[in-house]
Amino acid sequence: MYLLWCIELFFKALKQNLKVKTFVGTTENALFIQIWTALIAMLLIKYLSFKAKFGWSLSNLEAFLRWNLFTYRDLWDWIDHPFDVLPITPESVQNLLPFKGLGQHQLKMGT
């Protein structure tokens, strides 16, 4: 009986914290992959919550991570001080084409 209750609590935590409302695949392998992926995500979020100096709840940390997924920040500084760390502006890695034309920078010969 205890084991069945633990399984129910496990699936309840998956559904509430990681938004696993429905399973994508119907095969046994697809279900295992989705459950393992959710478990790994939950483990990583719990680890970040454990290491943080800020008092995160699991649901708040998960929501803040989702909202800031595509911003550049130092993760450990942000986890400890979420309202003090500003986003980092990444350096441009795009190379310019060596053509003169509309919208292109003028390249000097020999550089």
Protein backbone atom coordinates (compact mmCIF):
# COMPACT_ATOMS: atom_id res chain seq x y z
CA MET A 1 0.00 0.00 0.00
CA TYR A 2 2.85 2.39 0.88
CA LEU A 3 4.52 1.81 -2.49
CA LEU A 4 1.33 2.67 -4.36
CA TRP A 5 1.02 5.91 -2.37
CA CYS A 6 4.62 6.85 -3.23
CA ILE A 7 3.93 6.26 -6.91
CA GLU A 8 0.83 8.47 -6.71
CA LEU A 9 2.85 11.24 -5.02
CA PHE A 10 5.57 10.90 -7.66
CA PHE A 11 3.14 11.40 -10.56
CA LYS A 12 1.41 14.23 -8.71
CA ALA A 13 4.78 16.02 -8.34
CA LEU A 14 5.53 15.45 -12.04
CA LYS A 15 2.19 16.90 -13.09
CA GLN A 16 2.30 19.90 -10.76
CA ASN A 17 5.93 20.97 -11.02
CA LEU A 18 6.96 20.00 -14.54
CA LYS A 19 3.70 20.41 -16.43
CA VAL A 20 3.55 16.76 -17.56
CA LYS A 21 -0.19 16.81 -18.19
CA THR A 22 -0.27 14.28 -21.01
CA PHE A 23 2.26 11.92 -22.47
CA VAL A 24 3.44 12.66 -26.00
CA GLY A 25 4.06 9.10 -27.15
CA THR A 26 2.02 5.97 -26.70
CA THR A 27 4.76 3.36 -26.68
CA GLU A 28 6.44 2.13 -23.55
CA ASN A 29 9.77 3.61 -24.67
CA ALA A 30 8.21 7.04 -25.30
CA LEU A 31 6.71 7.05 -21.80
CA PHE A 32 10.03 6.10 -20.23
CA ILE A 33 11.88 8.82 -22.13
CA GLN A 34 9.39 11.49 -21.06
CA ILE A 35 9.42 10.34 -17.42
CA TRP A 36 13.23 10.19 -17.30
CA THR A 37 13.49 13.63 -18.90
CA ALA A 38 11.07 15.04 -16.32
CA LEU A 39 13.02 13.37 -13.51
CA ILE A 40 16.31 14.81 -14.71
CA ALA A 41 14.75 18.28 -14.99
CA MET A 42 13.29 17.99 -11.50
CA LEU A 43 16.63 16.81 -10.11
CA LEU A 44 18.47 19.75 -11.69
CA ILE A 45 15.93 22.26 -10.37
CA LYS A 46 16.07 20.75 -6.87
CA TYR A 47 19.89 20.90 -6.99
CA LEU A 48 19.80 24.58 -7.97
CA SER A 49 17.31 25.24 -5.17
CA PHE A 50 19.53 23.39 -2.68
CA LYS A 51 22.69 25.30 -3.66
CA ALA A 52 21.02 28.73 -3.78
CA LYS A 53 21.38 31.19 -0.93
CA PHE A 54 17.99 32.69 -1.85
CA GLY A 55 14.98 30.87 -0.38
CA TRP A 56 13.46 29.47 -3.58
CA SER A 57 10.39 27.29 -3.63
CA LEU A 58 10.49 24.65 -6.33
CA SER A 59 7.58 26.12 -8.28
CA ASN A 60 8.96 29.69 -8.14
CA LEU A 61 12.42 28.62 -9.26
CA GLU A 62 10.95 26.59 -12.13
CA ALA A 63 8.82 29.57 -13.24
CA PHE A 64 11.72 32.04 -13.02
CA LEU A 65 13.99 29.69 -14.97
CA ARG A 66 11.36 29.36 -17.69
CA TRP A 67 10.93 33.15 -17.89
CA ASN A 68 14.69 33.78 -18.08
CA LEU A 69 15.61 30.85 -20.31
CA PHE A 70 16.96 32.96 -23.18
CA THR A 71 18.69 35.71 -21.21
CA TYR A 72 22.41 35.74 -20.61
CA ARG A 73 23.21 35.78 -16.90
CA ASP A 74 25.69 34.23 -14.55
CA LEU A 75 23.51 31.40 -13.24
CA TRP A 76 25.04 31.12 -9.77
CA ASP A 77 24.92 34.88 -9.14
CA TRP A 78 21.32 34.99 -10.37
CA ILE A 79 20.26 32.00 -8.25
CA ASP A 80 21.65 33.68 -5.11
CA HIS A 81 20.45 37.24 -5.90
CA PRO A 82 17.63 37.03 -8.49
CA PHE A 83 16.57 40.67 -8.31
CA ASP A 84 20.06 42.21 -8.31
CA VAL A 85 21.76 40.51 -11.27
CA LEU A 86 21.18 42.27 -14.59
CA PRO A 87 21.28 40.43 -17.93
CA ILE A 88 24.61 40.33 -19.75
CA THR A 89 24.68 41.73 -23.28
CA PRO A 90 26.43 39.11 -25.42
CA GLU A 91 29.11 40.17 -27.85
CA SER A 92 28.21 39.93 -31.52
CA VAL A 93 29.80 36.99 -33.26
CA GLN A 94 28.37 37.74 -36.68
CA ASN A 95 30.93 38.50 -39.38
CA LEU A 96 30.23 41.19 -41.96
CA LEU A 97 30.11 40.44 -45.65
CA PRO A 98 32.92 42.15 -47.62
CA PHE A 99 30.48 43.83 -50.02
CA LYS A 100 29.79 47.52 -50.35
CA GLY A 101 26.13 48.14 -50.39
CA LEU A 102 23.06 49.15 -48.53
CA GLY A 103 23.39 48.41 -44.84
CA GLN A 104 26.97 47.16 -45.00
CA HIS A 105 29.86 48.74 -43.22
CA GLN A 106 32.61 50.13 -45.37
CA LEU A 107 35.67 47.88 -45.02
CA LYS A 108 39.07 49.44 -45.48
CA MET A 109 41.49 47.65 -47.74
CA GLY A 110 44.42 46.05 -45.95
CA THR A 111 42.51 45.37 -42.68
